C-alpha cells in the first residue's frame, strides 16, 4: 500500500513533542474492530501512516475502554464531527497543543478559541482555525460523554 502524501512536521512542533511514535498499536483483533468502526461510522480516516496528524486508533481504543476524554461533538458551524485534541500528533497543522497526550508541557495551548503559541506570553495569539463547539450540540451516542476538551476535525 503506497502513501501519496507524508506530512513533514514543522520543527517547532516536534521540539514540543515527546519522542514518538505517535500511533497506538492494536492487536490484530482490535485492528479488525477498529477498521469495522471506521467503515460503519463513515469516519474520515485517510492518512493511515506513521506520520498521521491524528492518532485515531488511540482515540478509538480509549473510547472502547470508556475513557471520558474520548468523546466527540458536532461543530455547529460546519456540522462535522470533531475529535479531542488529546490524540493530535506533532504532524498536525491545527494547533498541536498541551492538550495532546504527545505534547510536552512547553507546547502551545488553547485559551478559549485562541491558540497561544509556545513561549508567547506577551498577549500575542493566533485565531483558532475552527470556531468553538456548541456545548448544546448532541454528543455521538457511541462514545461516553466527558468533560469539555478541545476537539479536532479531519
N, C-alpha and C. Protein backbone atom coordinates (compact mmCIF):
# COMPACT_ATOMS: atom_id res chain seq x y z
N UNK A 1 0.85 -1.17 0.00
CA UNK A 1 0.00 0.00 0.00
C UNK A 1 0.90 1.24 0.00
N UNK A 2 0.72 2.12 -0.98
CA UNK A 2 1.51 3.34 -1.06
C UNK A 2 0.81 4.50 -0.40
N UNK A 3 1.59 5.44 0.05
CA UNK A 3 1.06 6.64 0.68
C UNK A 3 1.37 7.82 -0.23
N UNK A 4 0.34 8.48 -0.78
CA UNK A 4 0.59 9.57 -1.72
C UNK A 4 1.20 10.81 -1.06
N UNK A 5 1.01 10.99 0.22
CA UNK A 5 1.49 12.19 0.88
C UNK A 5 1.87 11.87 2.31
N UNK A 6 3.07 12.20 2.68
CA UNK A 6 3.51 12.03 4.06
C UNK A 6 3.84 13.40 4.59
N UNK A 7 3.04 13.93 5.52
CA UNK A 7 3.32 15.27 6.03
C UNK A 7 4.62 15.31 6.81
N UNK A 8 5.31 16.39 6.67
CA UNK A 8 6.55 16.60 7.41
C UNK A 8 6.24 17.60 8.51
N UNK A 9 6.43 17.22 9.77
CA UNK A 9 6.07 18.13 10.85
C UNK A 9 6.97 19.35 10.87
N UNK A 10 6.40 20.45 11.31
CA UNK A 10 7.20 21.64 11.48
C UNK A 10 8.15 21.40 12.65
N UNK A 11 9.39 21.86 12.50
CA UNK A 11 10.38 21.69 13.56
C UNK A 11 9.84 22.25 14.86
N UNK A 12 9.14 23.36 14.78
CA UNK A 12 8.62 23.98 16.00
C UNK A 12 7.65 23.07 16.74
N UNK A 13 6.93 22.20 16.02
CA UNK A 13 6.02 21.29 16.69
C UNK A 13 6.76 20.09 17.28
N UNK A 14 7.72 19.56 16.57
CA UNK A 14 8.46 18.40 17.07
C UNK A 14 9.23 18.74 18.33
N UNK A 15 9.74 19.95 18.43
CA UNK A 15 10.50 20.29 19.63
C UNK A 15 9.62 20.39 20.87
N UNK A 16 8.30 20.44 20.67
CA UNK A 16 7.37 20.50 21.79
C UNK A 16 6.64 19.17 21.99
N UNK A 17 7.14 18.12 21.34
CA UNK A 17 6.51 16.81 21.43
C UNK A 17 7.41 15.82 22.15
N UNK A 18 6.77 14.89 22.85
CA UNK A 18 7.51 13.78 23.45
C UNK A 18 8.05 12.92 22.30
N UNK A 19 9.06 12.11 22.56
CA UNK A 19 9.55 11.23 21.50
C UNK A 19 8.45 10.30 21.01
N UNK A 20 8.42 10.03 19.70
CA UNK A 20 7.41 9.15 19.10
C UNK A 20 7.70 7.70 19.39
N UNK A 21 6.96 6.80 18.81
CA UNK A 21 5.99 7.04 17.74
C UNK A 21 4.68 7.63 18.27
N UNK A 22 3.90 8.18 17.34
CA UNK A 22 2.66 8.85 17.70
C UNK A 22 1.44 8.08 17.20
N UNK A 23 1.52 6.77 17.32
CA UNK A 23 0.41 5.90 16.93
C UNK A 23 0.19 4.87 18.04
N UNK A 24 -1.03 4.46 18.18
CA UNK A 24 -1.36 3.43 19.16
C UNK A 24 -1.37 2.08 18.46
N UNK A 25 -0.62 1.14 18.99
CA UNK A 25 -0.57 -0.21 18.44
C UNK A 25 -1.82 -0.97 18.88
N UNK A 26 -2.41 -1.70 17.95
CA UNK A 26 -3.58 -2.52 18.24
C UNK A 26 -3.25 -3.98 17.95
N UNK A 27 -3.91 -4.87 18.67
CA UNK A 27 -3.79 -6.28 18.37
C UNK A 27 -4.49 -6.54 17.03
N UNK A 28 -4.25 -7.64 16.38
CA UNK A 28 -4.97 -7.93 15.12
C UNK A 28 -6.49 -7.89 15.30
N UNK A 29 -6.99 -8.41 16.42
CA UNK A 29 -8.43 -8.38 16.66
C UNK A 29 -8.92 -6.94 16.84
N UNK A 30 -8.17 -6.14 17.60
CA UNK A 30 -8.55 -4.73 17.78
C UNK A 30 -8.49 -3.98 16.45
N UNK A 31 -7.48 -4.27 15.63
CA UNK A 31 -7.37 -3.61 14.33
C UNK A 31 -8.57 -3.92 13.46
N UNK A 32 -9.03 -5.16 13.49
CA UNK A 32 -10.21 -5.53 12.72
C UNK A 32 -11.43 -4.76 13.23
N UNK A 33 -11.59 -4.70 14.56
CA UNK A 33 -12.71 -3.96 15.14
C UNK A 33 -12.61 -2.47 14.81
N UNK A 34 -11.40 -1.92 14.87
CA UNK A 34 -11.19 -0.52 14.53
C UNK A 34 -11.60 -0.25 13.09
N UNK A 35 -11.14 -1.09 12.15
CA UNK A 35 -11.48 -0.90 10.73
C UNK A 35 -12.99 -1.00 10.51
N UNK A 36 -13.65 -1.93 11.23
CA UNK A 36 -15.11 -2.05 11.13
C UNK A 36 -15.79 -0.78 11.66
N UNK A 37 -15.27 -0.22 12.75
CA UNK A 37 -15.82 1.01 13.33
C UNK A 37 -15.66 2.17 12.35
N UNK A 38 -14.47 2.28 11.73
CA UNK A 38 -14.22 3.35 10.75
C UNK A 38 -15.24 3.26 9.62
N UNK A 39 -15.42 2.05 9.09
CA UNK A 39 -16.33 1.86 7.97
C UNK A 39 -17.79 2.08 8.38
N UNK A 40 -18.21 1.50 9.49
CA UNK A 40 -19.60 1.60 9.93
C UNK A 40 -20.01 3.03 10.27
N UNK A 41 -19.04 3.82 10.75
CA UNK A 41 -19.35 5.19 11.17
C UNK A 41 -18.90 6.24 10.15
N UNK A 42 -18.44 5.76 8.98
CA UNK A 42 -18.01 6.67 7.92
C UNK A 42 -17.01 7.70 8.44
N UNK A 43 -16.05 7.21 9.22
CA UNK A 43 -15.04 8.08 9.82
C UNK A 43 -14.03 8.48 8.75
N UNK A 44 -13.75 9.77 8.61
CA UNK A 44 -12.79 10.21 7.59
C UNK A 44 -11.36 9.88 8.01
N UNK A 45 -10.92 8.72 7.63
CA UNK A 45 -9.61 8.22 8.04
C UNK A 45 -8.81 7.93 6.79
N UNK A 46 -8.11 8.94 6.28
CA UNK A 46 -7.41 8.80 5.02
C UNK A 46 -5.89 8.74 5.17
N UNK A 47 -5.35 9.33 6.20
CA UNK A 47 -3.90 9.41 6.34
C UNK A 47 -3.41 8.35 7.31
N UNK A 48 -3.42 7.12 6.87
CA UNK A 48 -3.04 5.99 7.70
C UNK A 48 -1.54 5.72 7.56
N UNK A 49 -0.73 6.63 8.09
CA UNK A 49 0.72 6.49 8.03
C UNK A 49 1.30 6.69 9.42
N UNK A 50 2.55 6.31 9.61
CA UNK A 50 3.19 6.58 10.90
C UNK A 50 3.29 8.08 11.20
N UNK A 51 3.16 8.92 10.17
CA UNK A 51 3.24 10.36 10.33
C UNK A 51 1.86 11.02 10.27
N UNK A 52 0.84 10.28 10.62
CA UNK A 52 -0.52 10.82 10.61
C UNK A 52 -0.63 11.99 11.58
N UNK A 53 -1.52 12.92 11.27
CA UNK A 53 -1.69 14.09 12.13
C UNK A 53 -2.60 13.80 13.34
N UNK A 54 -3.21 12.61 13.37
CA UNK A 54 -4.10 12.27 14.47
C UNK A 54 -4.01 10.78 14.75
N UNK A 55 -3.94 10.41 16.01
CA UNK A 55 -3.88 9.00 16.41
C UNK A 55 -5.31 8.50 16.62
N UNK A 56 -5.97 8.21 15.50
CA UNK A 56 -7.36 7.78 15.57
C UNK A 56 -7.50 6.42 16.25
N UNK A 57 -6.50 5.56 16.11
CA UNK A 57 -6.54 4.28 16.81
C UNK A 57 -6.50 4.50 18.33
N UNK A 58 -5.70 5.46 18.77
CA UNK A 58 -5.65 5.79 20.19
C UNK A 58 -6.98 6.29 20.69
N UNK A 59 -7.62 7.16 19.89
CA UNK A 59 -8.95 7.66 20.25
C UNK A 59 -9.93 6.50 20.35
N UNK A 60 -9.95 5.65 19.34
CA UNK A 60 -10.90 4.52 19.31
C UNK A 60 -10.69 3.60 20.52
N UNK A 61 -9.43 3.28 20.80
CA UNK A 61 -9.14 2.36 21.91
C UNK A 61 -9.57 2.98 23.24
N UNK A 62 -9.33 4.27 23.41
CA UNK A 62 -9.75 4.95 24.64
C UNK A 62 -11.27 4.97 24.75
N UNK A 63 -11.96 5.22 23.64
CA UNK A 63 -13.42 5.23 23.66
C UNK A 63 -13.97 3.85 24.01
N UNK A 64 -13.34 2.80 23.48
CA UNK A 64 -13.79 1.44 23.76
C UNK A 64 -13.62 1.08 25.24
N UNK A 65 -12.62 1.69 25.88
CA UNK A 65 -12.38 1.39 27.29
C UNK A 65 -13.20 2.28 28.22
N UNK A 66 -13.99 3.20 27.64
CA UNK A 66 -14.83 4.05 28.46
C UNK A 66 -14.16 5.33 28.94
N UNK A 67 -13.03 5.69 28.35
CA UNK A 67 -12.33 6.92 28.73
C UNK A 67 -13.22 8.13 28.45
N UNK A 68 -13.57 8.92 29.46
CA UNK A 68 -14.45 10.07 29.24
C UNK A 68 -13.81 11.16 28.38
N UNK A 69 -12.49 11.14 28.21
CA UNK A 69 -11.83 12.12 27.35
C UNK A 69 -11.95 11.76 25.87
N UNK A 70 -12.39 10.57 25.56
CA UNK A 70 -12.53 10.13 24.18
C UNK A 70 -13.98 10.34 23.74
N UNK A 71 -14.37 11.59 23.65
CA UNK A 71 -15.71 11.93 23.21
C UNK A 71 -15.64 12.86 22.01
N UNK A 72 -16.71 12.95 21.28
CA UNK A 72 -16.77 13.82 20.11
C UNK A 72 -17.95 14.76 20.25
N UNK A 73 -17.98 15.76 19.40
CA UNK A 73 -19.10 16.68 19.35
C UNK A 73 -19.26 17.15 17.91
N UNK A 74 -20.38 17.75 17.62
CA UNK A 74 -20.64 18.29 16.29
C UNK A 74 -20.40 19.80 16.34
N UNK A 75 -19.60 20.30 15.43
CA UNK A 75 -19.37 21.74 15.36
C UNK A 75 -20.59 22.38 14.73
N UNK A 76 -21.16 23.36 15.38
CA UNK A 76 -22.41 23.97 14.90
C UNK A 76 -22.21 24.75 13.61
N UNK A 77 -20.99 25.18 13.31
CA UNK A 77 -20.78 25.96 12.10
C UNK A 77 -20.54 25.11 10.86
N UNK A 78 -19.81 24.00 11.01
CA UNK A 78 -19.55 23.20 9.82
C UNK A 78 -20.28 21.85 9.83
N UNK A 79 -20.93 21.52 10.94
CA UNK A 79 -21.71 20.29 11.01
C UNK A 79 -20.88 19.02 11.01
N UNK A 80 -19.57 19.15 11.17
CA UNK A 80 -18.69 17.99 11.14
C UNK A 80 -18.39 17.49 12.54
N UNK A 81 -18.04 16.22 12.62
CA UNK A 81 -17.63 15.63 13.89
C UNK A 81 -16.24 16.16 14.23
N UNK A 82 -16.06 16.52 15.48
CA UNK A 82 -14.76 16.98 15.95
C UNK A 82 -14.28 16.05 17.06
N UNK A 83 -13.00 15.72 16.99
CA UNK A 83 -12.38 14.79 17.93
C UNK A 83 -11.51 15.57 18.91
N UNK A 84 -11.27 15.04 20.10
CA UNK A 84 -10.47 15.78 21.09
C UNK A 84 -9.02 15.93 20.67
N UNK A 85 -8.41 17.02 21.09
CA UNK A 85 -7.01 17.28 20.80
C UNK A 85 -6.08 16.27 21.48
N UNK A 86 -6.61 15.48 22.38
CA UNK A 86 -5.82 14.50 23.13
C UNK A 86 -4.96 13.63 22.22
N UNK A 87 -5.43 13.32 21.03
CA UNK A 87 -4.75 12.38 20.15
C UNK A 87 -4.11 13.05 18.93
N UNK A 88 -4.01 14.39 18.94
CA UNK A 88 -3.28 15.08 17.87
C UNK A 88 -1.81 14.72 17.99
N UNK A 89 -1.17 14.60 16.85
CA UNK A 89 0.27 14.35 16.83
C UNK A 89 0.98 15.63 16.41
N UNK A 90 2.30 15.70 16.57
CA UNK A 90 3.01 16.91 16.15
C UNK A 90 3.00 17.12 14.63
N UNK A 91 2.43 16.18 13.88
CA UNK A 91 2.30 16.33 12.44
C UNK A 91 1.05 17.14 12.08
N UNK A 92 0.26 17.49 13.07
CA UNK A 92 -0.97 18.25 12.85
C UNK A 92 -0.67 19.71 12.55
N UNK A 93 -1.42 20.26 11.62
CA UNK A 93 -1.30 21.69 11.31
C UNK A 93 -2.38 22.49 12.03
N UNK A 94 -3.13 21.87 12.90
CA UNK A 94 -4.26 22.50 13.57
C UNK A 94 -3.94 22.84 15.02
N UNK A 95 -2.82 23.42 15.29
CA UNK A 95 -2.52 23.86 16.65
C UNK A 95 -2.20 22.74 17.62
N UNK A 96 -1.12 22.02 17.35
CA UNK A 96 -0.65 21.00 18.28
C UNK A 96 -0.41 21.67 19.63
N UNK A 97 -1.05 21.16 20.68
CA UNK A 97 -1.02 21.86 21.96
C UNK A 97 -0.78 20.92 23.13
N UNK A 98 -0.69 21.52 24.31
CA UNK A 98 -0.51 20.75 25.55
C UNK A 98 -1.67 19.79 25.81
N UNK A 99 -2.76 19.98 25.12
CA UNK A 99 -3.90 19.08 25.32
C UNK A 99 -3.67 17.71 24.69
N UNK A 100 -2.64 17.60 23.85
CA UNK A 100 -2.30 16.32 23.25
C UNK A 100 -1.51 15.47 24.23
N UNK A 101 -1.78 14.19 24.25
CA UNK A 101 -1.01 13.28 25.11
C UNK A 101 0.43 13.16 24.65
N UNK A 102 0.73 13.63 23.43
CA UNK A 102 2.07 13.57 22.89
C UNK A 102 2.87 14.86 23.10
N UNK A 103 2.25 15.86 23.70
CA UNK A 103 2.90 17.16 23.87
C UNK A 103 3.69 17.26 25.17
N UNK A 104 4.73 18.05 25.12
CA UNK A 104 5.47 18.42 26.32
C UNK A 104 4.76 19.61 26.97
N UNK A 105 5.00 19.85 28.25
CA UNK A 105 4.37 21.00 28.91
C UNK A 105 4.73 22.34 28.28
N UNK A 106 5.80 22.38 27.50
CA UNK A 106 6.23 23.63 26.87
C UNK A 106 5.50 23.94 25.57
N UNK A 107 4.61 23.04 25.11
CA UNK A 107 3.88 23.26 23.86
C UNK A 107 2.89 24.41 24.03
N UNK A 108 2.41 24.91 22.92
CA UNK A 108 1.39 25.96 22.94
C UNK A 108 0.11 25.43 23.57
N UNK A 109 -0.86 26.32 23.74
CA UNK A 109 -2.11 25.91 24.36
C UNK A 109 -3.26 26.75 23.84
N UNK A 110 -4.45 26.25 24.02
CA UNK A 110 -5.65 26.99 23.65
C UNK A 110 -6.15 27.77 24.85
N UNK A 111 -6.45 29.02 24.61
CA UNK A 111 -7.09 29.87 25.62
C UNK A 111 -8.42 30.26 25.00
N UNK A 112 -9.49 29.57 25.41
CA UNK A 112 -10.77 29.75 24.73
C UNK A 112 -10.62 29.27 23.30
N UNK A 113 -10.94 30.12 22.35
CA UNK A 113 -10.83 29.77 20.93
C UNK A 113 -9.58 30.33 20.29
N UNK A 114 -8.63 30.74 21.09
CA UNK A 114 -7.42 31.36 20.57
C UNK A 114 -6.22 30.48 20.93
N UNK A 115 -5.38 30.20 19.92
CA UNK A 115 -4.20 29.40 20.16
C UNK A 115 -3.06 30.31 20.60
N UNK A 116 -2.46 30.00 21.73
CA UNK A 116 -1.30 30.73 22.24
C UNK A 116 -0.07 29.88 21.93
N UNK A 117 0.73 30.29 20.96
CA UNK A 117 1.92 29.52 20.61
C UNK A 117 2.88 29.38 21.79
N UNK A 118 3.79 28.42 21.72
CA UNK A 118 4.77 28.25 22.79
C UNK A 118 5.58 29.52 23.01
N UNK A 119 5.92 29.75 24.27
CA UNK A 119 6.79 30.87 24.64
C UNK A 119 6.24 32.24 24.26
N UNK A 120 4.94 32.34 24.09
CA UNK A 120 4.35 33.63 23.76
C UNK A 120 3.49 34.04 24.95
N UNK A 121 4.01 34.93 25.75
CA UNK A 121 3.28 35.38 26.93
C UNK A 121 3.04 36.88 26.92
N UNK A 122 3.22 37.50 25.76
CA UNK A 122 3.04 38.94 25.67
C UNK A 122 1.68 39.30 25.09
N UNK A 123 0.71 38.42 25.19
CA UNK A 123 -0.62 38.70 24.67
C UNK A 123 -0.76 38.44 23.18
N UNK A 124 0.27 37.89 22.54
CA UNK A 124 0.17 37.56 21.13
C UNK A 124 -0.54 36.22 20.98
N UNK A 125 -1.37 36.10 19.99
CA UNK A 125 -2.06 34.84 19.78
C UNK A 125 -2.51 34.75 18.32
N UNK A 126 -2.88 33.57 17.93
CA UNK A 126 -3.38 33.33 16.59
C UNK A 126 -4.85 32.96 16.67
N UNK A 127 -5.66 33.36 15.71
CA UNK A 127 -7.06 32.97 15.75
C UNK A 127 -7.21 31.47 15.53
N UNK A 128 -8.19 30.86 16.17
CA UNK A 128 -8.46 29.44 16.02
C UNK A 128 -9.01 29.19 14.63
N UNK A 129 -8.51 28.17 13.92
CA UNK A 129 -8.99 27.92 12.57
C UNK A 129 -10.45 27.44 12.51
N UNK A 130 -10.95 26.86 13.59
CA UNK A 130 -12.36 26.49 13.62
C UNK A 130 -12.97 27.11 14.86
N UNK A 131 -14.26 27.38 14.78
CA UNK A 131 -14.90 28.05 15.90
C UNK A 131 -15.11 27.09 17.07
N UNK A 132 -15.48 27.66 18.20
CA UNK A 132 -15.71 26.83 19.38
C UNK A 132 -16.92 25.93 19.18
N UNK A 133 -17.00 24.93 19.98
CA UNK A 133 -18.09 23.98 19.86
C UNK A 133 -19.31 24.46 20.62
N UNK A 134 -20.43 24.13 20.10
CA UNK A 134 -21.68 24.44 20.77
C UNK A 134 -21.84 23.44 21.91
N UNK A 135 -21.86 23.91 23.17
CA UNK A 135 -21.96 22.96 24.28
C UNK A 135 -23.28 22.21 24.30
N UNK A 136 -24.25 22.69 23.52
CA UNK A 136 -25.54 22.02 23.49
C UNK A 136 -25.70 21.10 22.28
N UNK A 137 -24.63 21.00 21.49
CA UNK A 137 -24.68 20.10 20.34
C UNK A 137 -24.77 18.67 20.83
N UNK A 138 -25.50 17.81 20.11
CA UNK A 138 -25.63 16.42 20.56
C UNK A 138 -24.30 15.70 20.52
N UNK A 139 -24.06 14.87 21.50
CA UNK A 139 -22.88 14.02 21.51
C UNK A 139 -23.21 12.78 20.71
N UNK A 140 -22.20 12.18 20.10
CA UNK A 140 -22.41 10.93 19.39
C UNK A 140 -22.59 9.85 20.44
N UNK A 141 -23.66 9.12 20.32
CA UNK A 141 -24.05 8.21 21.40
C UNK A 141 -23.10 7.03 21.59
N UNK A 142 -22.27 6.71 20.61
CA UNK A 142 -21.38 5.55 20.76
C UNK A 142 -20.16 5.85 21.61
N UNK A 143 -19.97 7.12 22.01
CA UNK A 143 -18.83 7.48 22.82
C UNK A 143 -19.31 7.99 24.16
N UNK A 144 -18.60 7.67 25.22
CA UNK A 144 -19.00 8.19 26.52
C UNK A 144 -18.83 9.70 26.56
N UNK A 145 -19.74 10.35 27.27
CA UNK A 145 -19.63 11.79 27.41
C UNK A 145 -18.65 12.11 28.53
N UNK A 146 -17.94 13.18 28.39
CA UNK A 146 -16.95 13.53 29.38
C UNK A 146 -16.80 15.03 29.47
N UNK A 147 -15.80 15.46 30.20
CA UNK A 147 -15.58 16.88 30.35
C UNK A 147 -15.24 17.54 29.02
N UNK A 148 -15.53 18.80 28.91
CA UNK A 148 -15.27 19.53 27.69
C UNK A 148 -13.77 19.57 27.40
N UNK A 149 -13.39 19.20 26.22
CA UNK A 149 -11.99 19.22 25.79
C UNK A 149 -11.95 19.88 24.42
N UNK A 150 -10.82 20.43 24.07
CA UNK A 150 -10.66 20.99 22.74
C UNK A 150 -10.77 19.84 21.75
N UNK A 151 -11.52 20.05 20.67
CA UNK A 151 -11.75 18.99 19.71
C UNK A 151 -11.14 19.33 18.36
N UNK A 152 -10.90 18.32 17.57
CA UNK A 152 -10.20 18.43 16.30
C UNK A 152 -11.00 17.70 15.25
N UNK A 153 -11.08 18.25 14.04
CA UNK A 153 -11.78 17.54 12.96
C UNK A 153 -10.82 17.26 11.82
N UNK A 154 -11.19 16.30 11.00
CA UNK A 154 -10.37 15.92 9.85
C UNK A 154 -10.78 16.72 8.66
